[in-house]
Amino acid sequence: MAAWSAEIANEFIRRAAAENRALTQMQLQKLVYIAHGWNLAINGEKLTHDDPQAWDYGPVYRDLWEALRAYGRAPVTREIRNGEYLPGVLDDETAGAPARARLGEDEQAIIDRVYQNYGRFHAFKLSALTHEPDTPWTQVYGEGSGRFHEINPEKIRQYFLDLAARQAA
C-alpha cells in the first residue's frame, strides 16, 4: 500500500536512529526515491502517493522538502510529524504524532534492503546515482522538460527493471 513520502522518510529516520545516526534531507529524498523505484520494479506498485519531481540535485518530493527544509543541509534529528507536511493527517488524535506508513512485508523488505545497500552513502553520492545517463531524472530534467516536472512512475519502474537486469548479468 502506498504511503506519503514523509512517512517513508520516517522509516529511514527510524532505521538510522537505531544505529545512532542521522540522515540529511538530501539523503532522505534520494533514499525514498530509490525505495520507490525498487518497489515499482519488484512489487509493481508505487511506494509513494506523491511523485518525485526533477530538481537540480536529483529527484525531490516537494511535500517532503517542505517538511524538512528548515534542516537545510543539517542532519534530520527527529521524525516528521503529522501536520508538518501537506497531506499529513490533521485530526486531533494524530496531530503532532510521528507520521507512520502502513506497509506490507514486501514493502518493508524493500526499505530494509535500500537502507542496507544505500543508507551509508553520502548525499552527493546518492545524488550522483540519480544523475547517471538514462536515469528518469536525466530524461526529465536534462532532456528538456526541466525543473519541477514530475517524473513519471513508468519511467522509474522501467529504469529500475533495467538496473536489476544489469546487476544480475
Foldseek 3Di string as FASTA:
>chain_A
DAAALLQLLLLLQVVQVVVVHFDFLLLSQLLSLQLQLVCCQPVVDGNHPAFWWQAPLATGGVQSCQLRVVCPGHTDDDRRAAPSGDVGDDDPVGGRPHRHDDDDPVSSVSSVVSCVVPVPDHSSVSSVVCVPPQHQSCVCDVVPVHGGHGRDSVSSNVVVNVVVVVVVD
